[in-house]
């Protein structure tokens, strides 16, 4: 994937990569005679895809955090575990568990 992004940014040498298939990819790109406009469009599409992946991962991380906090709130409501035990079980900081307890 790095080699593909590199071709969108500038001229690169196939020798810069260990994988022999990278050279074949560069040959195919040269044969295609991609215009600068096409290259710019490909770069834009690649950037959008990378942005979507980043946003998706951020959303997943936020969802995981919310789920852990919900579990901590449930443990606190049950009342049979200490804040330290809840922090240990959920991976949340003790300070965060105490803050959830105060809510």
PDB file of N, CA and C in Angstrom:
ATOM      1  N   UNK A   1       0.822  -1.184   0.000  1.00  0.00           N
ATOM      2  CA  UNK A   1       0.000   0.000   0.000  1.00  0.00           C
ATOM      3  C   UNK A   1       0.871   1.254   0.000  1.00  0.00           C
ATOM      4  N   UNK A   2       1.998   1.191   0.738  1.00  0.00           N
ATOM      5  CA  UNK A   2       2.897   2.340   0.775  1.00  0.00           C
ATOM      6  C   UNK A   2       3.402   2.667  -0.623  1.00  0.00           C
ATOM      7  N   UNK A   3       3.738   1.644  -1.391  1.00  0.00           N
ATOM      8  CA  UNK A   3       4.251   1.865  -2.742  1.00  0.00           C
ATOM      9  C   UNK A   3       3.203   2.543  -3.606  1.00  0.00           C
ATOM     10  N   UNK A   4       1.950   2.133  -3.468  1.00  0.00           N
ATOM     11  CA  UNK A   4       0.880   2.751  -4.248  1.00  0.00           C
ATOM     12  C   UNK A   4       0.757   4.228  -3.887  1.00  0.00           C
ATOM     13  N   UNK A   5       0.744   4.532  -2.581  1.00  0.00           N
ATOM     14  CA  UNK A   5       0.656   5.936  -2.160  1.00  0.00           C
ATOM     15  C   UNK A   5       1.864   6.722  -2.670  1.00  0.00           C
ATOM     16  N   UNK A   6       3.039   6.106  -2.648  1.00  0.00           N
ATOM     17  CA  UNK A   6       4.239   6.787  -3.138  1.00  0.00           C
ATOM     18  C   UNK A   6       4.102   7.152  -4.611  1.00  0.00           C
ATOM     19  N   UNK A   7       3.498   6.274  -5.397  1.00  0.00           N
ATOM     20  CA  UNK A   7       3.353   6.565  -6.828  1.00  0.00           C
ATOM     21  C   UNK A   7       2.402   7.720  -7.055  1.00  0.00           C
ATOM     22  N   UNK A   8       1.488   7.936  -6.138  1.00  0.00           N
ATOM     23  CA  UNK A   8       0.565   9.055  -6.272  1.00  0.00           C
ATOM     24  C   UNK A   8       1.238  10.367  -5.918  1.00  0.00           C
ATOM     25  N   UNK A   9       2.247  10.311  -5.078  1.00  0.00           N
ATOM     26  CA  UNK A   9       2.918  11.524  -4.625  1.00  0.00           C
ATOM     27  C   UNK A   9       4.030  11.989  -5.554  1.00  0.00           C
ATOM     28  N   UNK A  10       4.801  11.049  -6.088  1.00  0.00           N
ATOM     29  CA  UNK A  10       5.963  11.450  -6.880  1.00  0.00           C
ATOM     30  C   UNK A  10       6.521  10.254  -7.627  1.00  0.00           C
ATOM     31  N   UNK A  11       7.578  10.512  -8.360  1.00  0.00           N
ATOM     32  CA  UNK A  11       8.288   9.434  -9.039  1.00  0.00           C
ATOM     33  C   UNK A  11       9.085   8.661  -7.995  1.00  0.00           C
ATOM     34  N   UNK A  12       9.005   7.352  -8.060  1.00  0.00           N
ATOM     35  CA  UNK A  12       9.732   6.515  -7.113  1.00  0.00           C
ATOM     36  C   UNK A  12      10.448   5.414  -7.863  1.00  0.00           C
ATOM     37  N   UNK A  13      11.400   4.812  -7.191  1.00  0.00           N
ATOM     38  CA  UNK A  13      12.178   3.737  -7.790  1.00  0.00           C
ATOM     39  C   UNK A  13      11.719   2.397  -7.235  1.00  0.00           C
ATOM     40  N   UNK A  14      11.446   1.411  -8.102  1.00  0.00           N
ATOM     41  CA  UNK A  14      11.040   0.089  -7.619  1.00  0.00           C
ATOM     42  C   UNK A  14      12.097  -0.560  -6.734  1.00  0.00           C
ATOM     43  N   UNK A  15      13.346  -0.160  -6.899  1.00  0.00           N
ATOM     44  CA  UNK A  15      14.420  -0.737  -6.097  1.00  0.00           C
ATOM     45  C   UNK A  15      14.313  -0.341  -4.622  1.00  0.00           C
ATOM     46  N   UNK A  16      13.475   0.634  -4.330  1.00  0.00           N
ATOM     47  CA  UNK A  16      13.300   1.088  -2.950  1.00  0.00           C
ATOM     48  C   UNK A  16      12.487   0.105  -2.112  1.00  0.00           C
ATOM     49  N   UNK A  17      11.945  -0.929  -2.756  1.00  0.00           N
ATOM     50  CA  UNK A  17      11.055  -1.863  -2.073  1.00  0.00           C
ATOM     51  C   UNK A  17      11.592  -3.280  -2.205  1.00  0.00           C
ATOM     52  N   UNK A  18      11.420  -4.077  -1.145  1.00  0.00           N
ATOM     53  CA  UNK A  18      11.920  -5.450  -1.126  1.00  0.00           C
ATOM     54  C   UNK A  18      11.051  -6.408  -1.934  1.00  0.00           C
ATOM     55  N   UNK A  19       9.779  -6.159  -2.008  1.00  0.00           N
ATOM     56  CA  UNK A  19       8.840  -7.063  -2.665  1.00  0.00           C
ATOM     57  C   UNK A  19       9.005  -6.986  -4.186  1.00  0.00           C
ATOM     58  N   UNK A  20       9.269  -8.123  -4.865  1.00  0.00           N
ATOM     59  CA  UNK A  20       9.459  -8.095  -6.316  1.00  0.00           C
ATOM     60  C   UNK A  20       8.202  -7.698  -7.082  1.00  0.00           C
ATOM     61  N   UNK A  21       7.050  -7.884  -6.480  1.00  0.00           N
ATOM     62  CA  UNK A  21       5.810  -7.521  -7.165  1.00  0.00           C
ATOM     63  C   UNK A  21       5.632  -6.011  -7.269  1.00  0.00           C
ATOM     64  N   UNK A  22       6.340  -5.281  -6.429  1.00  0.00           N
ATOM     65  CA  UNK A  22       6.262  -3.824  -6.483  1.00  0.00           C
ATOM     66  C   UNK A  22       6.777  -3.331  -7.833  1.00  0.00           C
ATOM     67  N   UNK A  23       7.873  -3.910  -8.310  1.00  0.00           N
ATOM     68  CA  UNK A  23       8.406  -3.534  -9.622  1.00  0.00           C
ATOM     69  C   UNK A  23       7.394  -3.774 -10.721  1.00  0.00           C
ATOM     70  N   UNK A  24       6.682  -4.892 -10.638  1.00  0.00           N
ATOM     71  CA  UNK A  24       5.641  -5.186 -11.628  1.00  0.00           C
ATOM     72  C   UNK A  24       4.522  -4.145 -11.556  1.00  0.00           C
ATOM     73  N   UNK A  25       4.186  -3.738 -10.340  1.00  0.00           N
ATOM     74  CA  UNK A  25       3.148  -2.723 -10.186  1.00  0.00           C
ATOM     75  C   UNK A  25       3.589  -1.413 -10.845  1.00  0.00           C
ATOM     76  N   UNK A  26       4.852  -1.028 -10.630  1.00  0.00           N
ATOM     77  CA  UNK A  26       5.346   0.199 -11.244  1.00  0.00           C
ATOM     78  C   UNK A  26       5.318   0.100 -12.768  1.00  0.00           C
ATOM     79  N   UNK A  27       5.677  -1.062 -13.300  1.00  0.00           N
ATOM     80  CA  UNK A  27       5.639  -1.252 -14.750  1.00  0.00           C
ATOM     81  C   UNK A  27       4.224  -1.079 -15.286  1.00  0.00           C
ATOM     82  N   UNK A  28       3.256  -1.640 -14.593  1.00  0.00           N
ATOM     83  CA  UNK A  28       1.861  -1.511 -15.024  1.00  0.00           C
ATOM     84  C   UNK A  28       1.398  -0.061 -14.975  1.00  0.00           C
ATOM     85  N   UNK A  29       1.814   0.653 -13.959  1.00  0.00           N
ATOM     86  CA  UNK A  29       1.430   2.056 -13.858  1.00  0.00           C
ATOM     87  C   UNK A  29       2.025   2.848 -15.015  1.00  0.00           C
ATOM     88  N   UNK A  30       3.280   2.574 -15.348  1.00  0.00           N
ATOM     89  CA  UNK A  30       3.911   3.273 -16.473  1.00  0.00           C
ATOM     90  C   UNK A  30       3.204   2.951 -17.779  1.00  0.00           C
ATOM     91  N   UNK A  31       2.814   1.678 -17.965  1.00  0.00           N
ATOM     92  CA  UNK A  31       2.117   1.269 -19.179  1.00  0.00           C
ATOM     93  C   UNK A  31       0.759   1.952 -19.290  1.00  0.00           C
ATOM     94  N   UNK A  32       0.117   2.195 -18.164  1.00  0.00           N
ATOM     95  CA  UNK A  32      -1.205   2.820 -18.174  1.00  0.00           C
ATOM     96  C   UNK A  32      -1.150   4.286 -18.588  1.00  0.00           C
ATOM     97  N   UNK A  33       0.010   4.879 -18.499  1.00  0.00           N
ATOM     98  CA  UNK A  33       0.190   6.283 -18.854  1.00  0.00           C
ATOM     99  C   UNK A  33      -0.867   7.162 -18.173  1.00  0.00           C
ATOM    100  N   UNK A  34      -0.881   7.088 -16.875  1.00  0.00           N
ATOM    101  CA  UNK A  34      -1.841   7.846 -16.084  1.00  0.00           C
ATOM    102  C   UNK A  34      -1.530   9.337 -16.199  1.00  0.00           C
ATOM    103  N   UNK A  35      -2.555  10.115 -16.483  1.00  0.00           N
ATOM    104  CA  UNK A  35      -2.379  11.562 -16.598  1.00  0.00           C
ATOM    105  C   UNK A  35      -2.285  12.172 -15.203  1.00  0.00           C
ATOM    106  N   UNK A  36      -1.740  13.383 -15.115  1.00  0.00           N
ATOM    107  CA  UNK A  36      -1.686  14.047 -13.804  1.00  0.00           C
ATOM    108  C   UNK A  36      -3.069  14.201 -13.162  1.00  0.00           C
ATOM    109  N   UNK A  37      -4.085  14.485 -13.980  1.00  0.00           N
ATOM    110  CA  UNK A  37      -5.442  14.608 -13.433  1.00  0.00           C
ATOM    111  C   UNK A  37      -5.931  13.279 -12.873  1.00  0.00           C
ATOM    112  N   UNK A  38      -5.655  12.198 -13.597  1.00  0.00           N
ATOM    113  CA  UNK A  38      -6.055  10.871 -13.117  1.00  0.00           C
ATOM    114  C   UNK A  38      -5.302  10.523 -11.834  1.00  0.00           C
ATOM    115  N   UNK A  39      -4.026  10.852 -11.814  1.00  0.00           N
ATOM    116  CA  UNK A  39      -3.210  10.589 -10.631  1.00  0.00           C
ATOM    117  C   UNK A  39      -3.757  11.381  -9.432  1.00  0.00           C
ATOM    118  N   UNK A  40      -4.136  12.640  -9.662  1.00  0.00           N
ATOM    119  CA  UNK A  40      -4.697  13.460  -8.590  1.00  0.00           C
ATOM    120  C   UNK A  40      -6.014  12.864  -8.088  1.00  0.00           C
ATOM    121  N   UNK A  41      -6.829  12.383  -9.017  1.00  0.00           N
ATOM    122  CA  UNK A  41      -8.103  11.772  -8.626  1.00  0.00           C
ATOM    123  C   UNK A  41      -7.855  10.505  -7.804  1.00  0.00           C
ATOM    124  N   UNK A  42      -6.883   9.700  -8.229  1.00  0.00           N
ATOM    125  CA  UNK A  42      -6.557   8.485  -7.483  1.00  0.00           C
ATOM    126  C   UNK A  42      -6.058   8.839  -6.083  1.00  0.00           C
ATOM    127  N   UNK A  43      -5.246   9.886  -6.000  1.00  0.00           N
ATOM    128  CA  UNK A  43      -4.728  10.307  -4.699  1.00  0.00           C
ATOM    129  C   UNK A  43      -5.870  10.778  -3.806  1.00  0.00           C
ATOM    130  N   UNK A  44      -6.788  11.540  -4.379  1.00  0.00           N
ATOM    131  CA  UNK A  44      -7.951  12.018  -3.619  1.00  0.00           C
ATOM    132  C   UNK A  44      -8.773  10.844  -3.095  1.00  0.00           C
ATOM    133  N   UNK A  45      -9.013   9.851  -3.938  1.00  0.00           N
ATOM    134  CA  UNK A  45      -9.774   8.669  -3.525  1.00  0.00           C
ATOM    135  C   UNK A  45      -9.044   7.915  -2.419  1.00  0.00           C
ATOM    136  N   UNK A  46      -7.730   7.796  -2.562  1.00  0.00           N
ATOM    137  CA  UNK A  46      -6.936   7.119  -1.536  1.00  0.00           C
ATOM    138  C   UNK A  46      -6.999   7.877  -0.207  1.00  0.00           C
ATOM    139  N   UNK A  47      -6.910   9.211  -0.274  1.00  0.00           N
ATOM    140  CA  UNK A  47      -6.985  10.025   0.941  1.00  0.00           C
ATOM    141  C   UNK A  47      -8.347   9.894   1.610  1.00  0.00           C
ATOM    142  N   UNK A  48      -9.407   9.851   0.797  1.00  0.00           N
ATOM    143  CA  UNK A  48     -10.751   9.687   1.355  1.00  0.00           C
ATOM    144  C   UNK A  48     -10.877   8.335   2.046  1.00  0.00           C
ATOM    145  N   UNK A  49     -10.341   7.306   1.415  1.00  0.00           N
ATOM    146  CA  UNK A  49     -10.393   5.964   1.998  1.00  0.00           C
ATOM    147  C   UNK A  49      -9.634   5.923   3.323  1.00  0.00           C
ATOM    148  N   UNK A  50      -8.460   6.532   3.358  1.00  0.00           N
ATOM    149  CA  UNK A  50      -7.677   6.569   4.592  1.00  0.00           C
ATOM    150  C   UNK A  50      -8.424   7.345   5.679  1.00  0.00           C
ATOM    151  N   UNK A  51      -9.060   8.446   5.289  1.00  0.00           N
ATOM    152  CA  UNK A  51      -9.835   9.233   6.246  1.00  0.00           C
ATOM    153  C   UNK A  51     -11.006   8.451   6.810  1.00  0.00           C
ATOM    154  N   UNK A  52     -11.664   7.680   5.950  1.00  0.00           N
ATOM    155  CA  UNK A  52     -12.782   6.853   6.408  1.00  0.00           C
ATOM    156  C   UNK A  52     -12.302   5.783   7.377  1.00  0.00           C
ATOM    157  N   UNK A  53     -11.164   5.176   7.084  1.00  0.00           N
ATOM    158  CA  UNK A  53     -10.613   4.160   7.984  1.00  0.00           C
ATOM    159  C   UNK A  53     -10.287   4.766   9.344  1.00  0.00           C
ATOM    160  N   UNK A  54      -9.692   5.955   9.328  1.00  0.00           N
ATOM    161  CA  UNK A  54      -9.338   6.631  10.574  1.00  0.00           C
ATOM    162  C   UNK A  54     -10.588   6.969  11.380  1.00  0.00           C
ATOM    163  N   UNK A  55     -11.613   7.487  10.701  1.00  0.00           N
ATOM    164  CA  UNK A  55     -12.860   7.835  11.386  1.00  0.00           C
ATOM    165  C   UNK A  55     -13.534   6.594  11.954  1.00  0.00           C
ATOM    166  N   UNK A  56     -13.508   5.508  11.204  1.00  0.00           N
ATOM    167  CA  UNK A  56     -14.116   4.264  11.671  1.00  0.00           C
ATOM    168  C   UNK A  56     -13.400   3.748  12.912  1.00  0.00           C
ATOM    169  N   UNK A  57     -12.085   3.771  12.900  1.00  0.00           N
ATOM    170  CA  UNK A  57     -11.317   3.304  14.055  1.00  0.00           C
ATOM    171  C   UNK A  57     -11.572   4.197  15.273  1.00  0.00           C
ATOM    172  N   UNK A  58     -11.651   5.501  15.044  1.00  0.00           N
ATOM    173  CA  UNK A  58     -11.938   6.419  16.147  1.00  0.00           C
ATOM    174  C   UNK A  58     -13.319   6.118  16.728  1.00  0.00           C
ATOM    175  N   UNK A  59     -14.291   5.868  15.867  1.00  0.00           N
ATOM    176  CA  UNK A  59     -15.633   5.529  16.326  1.00  0.00           C
ATOM    177  C   UNK A  59     -15.658   4.234  17.119  1.00  0.00           C
ATOM    178  N   UNK A  60     -14.910   3.262  16.651  1.00  0.00           N
ATOM    179  CA  UNK A  60     -14.828   1.992  17.376  1.00  0.00           C
ATOM    180  C   UNK A  60     -14.210   2.191  18.760  1.00  0.00           C
ATOM    181  N   UNK A  61     -13.151   2.981  18.810  1.00  0.00           N
ATOM    182  CA  UNK A  61     -12.479   3.242  20.088  1.00  0.00           C
ATOM    183  C   UNK A  61     -13.422   3.950  21.053  1.00  0.00           C
ATOM    184  N   UNK A  62     -14.167   4.930  20.552  1.00  0.00           N
ATOM    185  CA  UNK A  62     -15.131   5.628  21.406  1.00  0.00           C
ATOM    186  C   UNK A  62     -16.208   4.663  21.893  1.00  0.00           C
ATOM    187  N   UNK A  63     -16.650   3.764  21.019  1.00  0.00           N
ATOM    188  CA  UNK A  63     -17.648   2.767  21.401  1.00  0.00           C
ATOM    189  C   UNK A  63     -17.131   1.828  22.478  1.00  0.00           C
ATOM    190  N   UNK A  64     -15.872   1.409  22.350  1.00  0.00           N
ATOM    191  CA  UNK A  64     -15.267   0.547  23.372  1.00  0.00           C
ATOM    192  C   UNK A  64     -15.219   1.265  24.725  1.00  0.00           C
ATOM    193  N   UNK A  65     -14.815   2.528  24.687  1.00  0.00           N
ATOM    194  CA  UNK A  65     -14.720   3.306  25.925  1.00  0.00           C
ATOM    195  C   UNK A  65     -16.099   3.447  26.565  1.00  0.00           C
ATOM    196  N   UNK A  66     -17.107   3.753  25.749  1.00  0.00           N
ATOM    197  CA  UNK A  66     -18.466   3.889  26.279  1.00  0.00           C
ATOM    198  C   UNK A  66     -18.947   2.572  26.884  1.00  0.00           C
ATOM    199  N   UNK A  67     -18.631   1.456  26.244  1.00  0.00           N
ATOM    200  CA  UNK A  67     -19.044   0.148  26.762  1.00  0.00           C
ATOM    201  C   UNK A  67     -18.371  -0.144  28.101  1.00  0.00           C
ATOM    202  N   UNK A  68     -17.088   0.189  28.216  1.00  0.00           N
ATOM    203  CA  UNK A  68     -16.382  -0.018  29.485  1.00  0.00           C
ATOM    204  C   UNK A  68     -16.962   0.864  30.589  1.00  0.00           C
ATOM    205  N   UNK A  69     -17.283   2.097  30.231  1.00  0.00           N
ATOM    206  CA  UNK A  69     -17.867   2.988  31.228  1.00  0.00           C
ATOM    207  C   UNK A  69     -19.255   2.506  31.646  1.00  0.00           C
ATOM    208  N   UNK A  70     -20.021   1.991  30.706  1.00  0.00           N
ATOM    209  CA  UNK A  70     -21.339   1.439  31.034  1.00  0.00           C
ATOM    210  C   UNK A  70     -21.199   0.234  31.960  1.00  0.00           C
ATOM    211  N   UNK A  71     -20.226  -0.618  31.686  1.00  0.00           N
ATOM    212  CA  UNK A  71     -19.979  -1.771  32.559  1.00  0.00           C
ATOM    213  C   UNK A  71     -19.593  -1.296  33.958  1.00  0.00           C
ATOM    214  N   UNK A  72     -18.752  -0.272  34.031  1.00  0.00           N
ATOM    215  CA  UNK A  72     -18.343   0.262  35.332  1.00  0.00           C
ATOM    216  C   UNK A  72     -19.550   0.822  36.082  1.00  0.00           C
ATOM    217  N   UNK A  73     -20.422   1.553  35.373  1.00  0.00           N
ATOM    218  CA  UNK A  73     -21.628   2.082  36.022  1.00  0.00           C
ATOM    219  C   UNK A  73     -22.505   0.944  36.547  1.00  0.00           C
ATOM    220  N   UNK A  74     -22.613  -0.129  35.777  1.00  0.00           N
ATOM    221  CA  UNK A  74     -23.405  -1.281  36.217  1.00  0.00           C
ATOM    222  C   UNK A  74     -22.790  -1.925  37.457  1.00  0.00           C
ATOM    223  N   UNK A  75     -21.469  -2.090  37.459  1.00  0.00           N
ATOM    224  CA  UNK A  75     -20.792  -2.642  38.637  1.00  0.00           C
ATOM    225  C   UNK A  75     -21.019  -1.745  39.859  1.00  0.00           C
ATOM    226  N   UNK A  76     -20.919  -0.437  39.644  1.00  0.00           N
ATOM    227  CA  UNK A  76     -21.130   0.500  40.748  1.00  0.00           C
ATOM    228  C   UNK A  76     -22.557   0.394  41.284  1.00  0.00           C
ATOM    229  N   UNK A  77     -23.515   0.239  40.381  1.00  0.00           N
ATOM    230  CA  UNK A  77     -24.918   0.134  40.795  1.00  0.00           C
ATOM    231  C   UNK A  77     -25.166  -1.128  41.615  1.00  0.00           C
ATOM    232  N   UNK A  78     -24.488  -2.205  41.257  1.00  0.00           N
ATOM    233  CA  UNK A  78     -24.634  -3.456  42.011  1.00  0.00           C
ATOM    234  C   UNK A  78     -24.078  -3.275  43.417  1.00  0.00           C
ATOM    235  N   UNK A  79     -22.948  -2.582  43.508  1.00  0.00           N
ATOM    236  CA  UNK A  79     -22.388  -2.235  44.804  1.00  0.00           C
ATOM    237  C   UNK A  79     -21.548  -3.293  45.489  1.00  0.00           C
ATOM    238  N   UNK A  80     -21.279  -4.395  44.832  1.00  0.00           N
ATOM    239  CA  UNK A  80     -20.508  -5.454  45.497  1.00  0.00           C
ATOM    240  C   UNK A  80     -19.010  -5.389  45.211  1.00  0.00           C
ATOM    241  N   UNK A  81     -18.591  -4.472  44.344  1.00  0.00           N
ATOM    242  CA  UNK A  81     -17.169  -4.341  44.014  1.00  0.00           C
ATOM    243  C   UNK A  81     -16.669  -2.960  44.415  1.00  0.00           C
ATOM    244  N   UNK A  82     -15.414  -2.898  44.798  1.00  0.00           N
ATOM    245  CA  UNK A  82     -14.802  -1.602  45.113  1.00  0.00           C
ATOM    246  C   UNK A  82     -14.439  -0.888  43.814  1.00  0.00           C
ATOM    247  N   UNK A  83     -14.201   0.404  43.926  1.00  0.00           N
ATOM    248  CA  UNK A  83     -13.780   1.185  42.756  1.00  0.00           C
ATOM    249  C   UNK A  83     -12.482   0.624  42.183  1.00  0.00           C
ATOM    250  N   UNK A  84     -11.585   0.178  43.054  1.00  0.00           N
ATOM    251  CA  UNK A  84     -10.315  -0.396  42.607  1.00  0.00           C
ATOM    252  C   UNK A  84     -10.547  -1.676  41.803  1.00  0.00           C
ATOM    253  N   UNK A  85     -11.467  -2.518  42.281  1.00  0.00           N
ATOM    254  CA  UNK A  85     -11.766  -3.761  41.562  1.00  0.00           C
ATOM    255  C   UNK A  85     -12.404  -3.466  40.207  1.00  0.00           C
ATOM    256  N   UNK A  86     -13.285  -2.490  40.169  1.00  0.00           N
ATOM    257  CA  UNK A  86     -13.936  -2.119  38.909  1.00  0.00           C
ATOM    258  C   UNK A  86     -12.904  -1.571  37.932  1.00  0.00           C
ATOM    259  N   UNK A  87     -12.002  -0.735  38.428  1.00  0.00           N
ATOM    260  CA  UNK A  87     -10.942  -0.193  37.567  1.00  0.00           C
ATOM    261  C   UNK A  87     -10.092  -1.322  37.010  1.00  0.00           C
ATOM    262  N   UNK A  88      -9.759  -2.270  37.842  1.00  0.00           N
ATOM    263  CA  UNK A  88      -8.947  -3.407  37.402  1.00  0.00           C
ATOM    264  C   UNK A  88      -9.691  -4.255  36.371  1.00  0.00           C
ATOM    265  N   UNK A  89     -10.979  -4.473  36.596  1.00  0.00           N
ATOM    266  CA  UNK A  89     -11.764  -5.326  35.697  1.00  0.00           C
ATOM    267  C   UNK A  89     -12.029  -4.675  34.349  1.00  0.00           C
ATOM    268  N   UNK A  90     -12.196  -3.361  34.337  1.00  0.00           N
ATOM    269  CA  UNK A  90     -12.553  -2.677  33.093  1.00  0.00           C
ATOM    270  C   UNK A  90     -11.369  -2.067  32.368  1.00  0.00           C
ATOM    271  N   UNK A  91     -10.278  -1.843  33.087  1.00  0.00           N
ATOM    272  CA  UNK A  91      -9.135  -1.171  32.474  1.00  0.00           C
ATOM    273  C   UNK A  91      -9.250   0.342  32.534  1.00  0.00           C
ATOM    274  N   UNK A  92     -10.333   0.844  33.121  1.00  0.00           N
ATOM    275  CA  UNK A  92     -10.473   2.286  33.302  1.00  0.00           C
ATOM    276  C   UNK A  92      -9.574   2.725  34.456  1.00  0.00           C
ATOM    277  N   UNK A  93      -9.237   4.002  34.474  1.00  0.00           N
ATOM    278  CA  UNK A  93      -8.444   4.505  35.594  1.00  0.00           C
ATOM    279  C   UNK A  93      -9.328   4.579  36.835  1.00  0.00           C
ATOM    280  N   UNK A  94      -8.701   4.510  37.980  1.00  0.00           N
ATOM    281  CA  UNK A  94      -9.431   4.623  39.239  1.00  0.00           C
ATOM    282  C   UNK A  94     -10.147   5.973  39.305  1.00  0.00           C
ATOM    283  N   UNK A  95      -9.487   7.014  38.816  1.00  0.00           N
ATOM    284  CA  UNK A  95     -10.088   8.346  38.818  1.00  0.00           C
ATOM    285  C   UNK A  95     -11.360   8.371  37.975  1.00  0.00           C
ATOM    286  N   UNK A  96     -11.325   7.688  36.819  1.00  0.00           N
ATOM    287  CA  UNK A  96     -12.511   7.665  35.950  1.00  0.00           C
ATOM    288  C   UNK A  96     -13.650   6.900  36.618  1.00  0.00           C
ATOM    289  N   UNK A  97     -13.336   5.788  37.268  1.00  0.00           N
ATOM    290  CA  UNK A  97     -14.368   5.007  37.961  1.00  0.00           C
ATOM    291  C   UNK A  97     -14.986   5.853  39.071  1.00  0.00           C
ATOM    292  N   UNK A  98     -14.151   6.571  39.813  1.00  0.00           N
ATOM    293  CA  UNK A  98     -14.673   7.433  40.881  1.00  0.00           C
ATOM    294  C   UNK A  98     -15.540   8.549  40.312  1.00  0.00           C
ATOM    295  N   UNK A  99     -15.144   9.087  39.161  1.00  0.00           N
ATOM    296  CA  UNK A  99     -15.947  10.130  38.518  1.00  0.00           C
ATOM    297  C   UNK A  99     -17.300   9.567  38.081  1.00  0.00           C
ATOM    298  N   UNK A 100     -17.300   8.353  37.561  1.00  0.00           N
ATOM    299  CA  UNK A 100     -18.561   7.718  37.165  1.00  0.00           C
ATOM    300  C   UNK A 100     -19.433   7.461  38.386  1.00  0.00           C
ATOM    301  N   UNK A 101     -18.803   7.138  39.494  1.00  0.00           N
ATOM    302  CA  UNK A 101     -19.524   6.888  40.740  1.00  0.00           C
ATOM    303  C   UNK A 101     -20.219   8.150  41.233  1.00  0.00           C
ATOM    304  N   UNK A 102     -19.592   9.291  41.007  1.00  0.00           N
ATOM    305  CA  UNK A 102     -20.140  10.565  41.470  1.00  0.00           C
ATOM    306  C   UNK A 102     -21.277  11.068  40.583  1.00  0.00           C
ATOM    307  N   UNK A 103     -21.439  10.511  39.421  1.00  0.00           N
ATOM    308  CA  UNK A 103     -22.479  10.981  38.483  1.00  0.00           C
ATOM    309  C   UNK A 103     -23.852  10.522  38.875  1.00  0.00           C
TER     310      UNK A 103
END
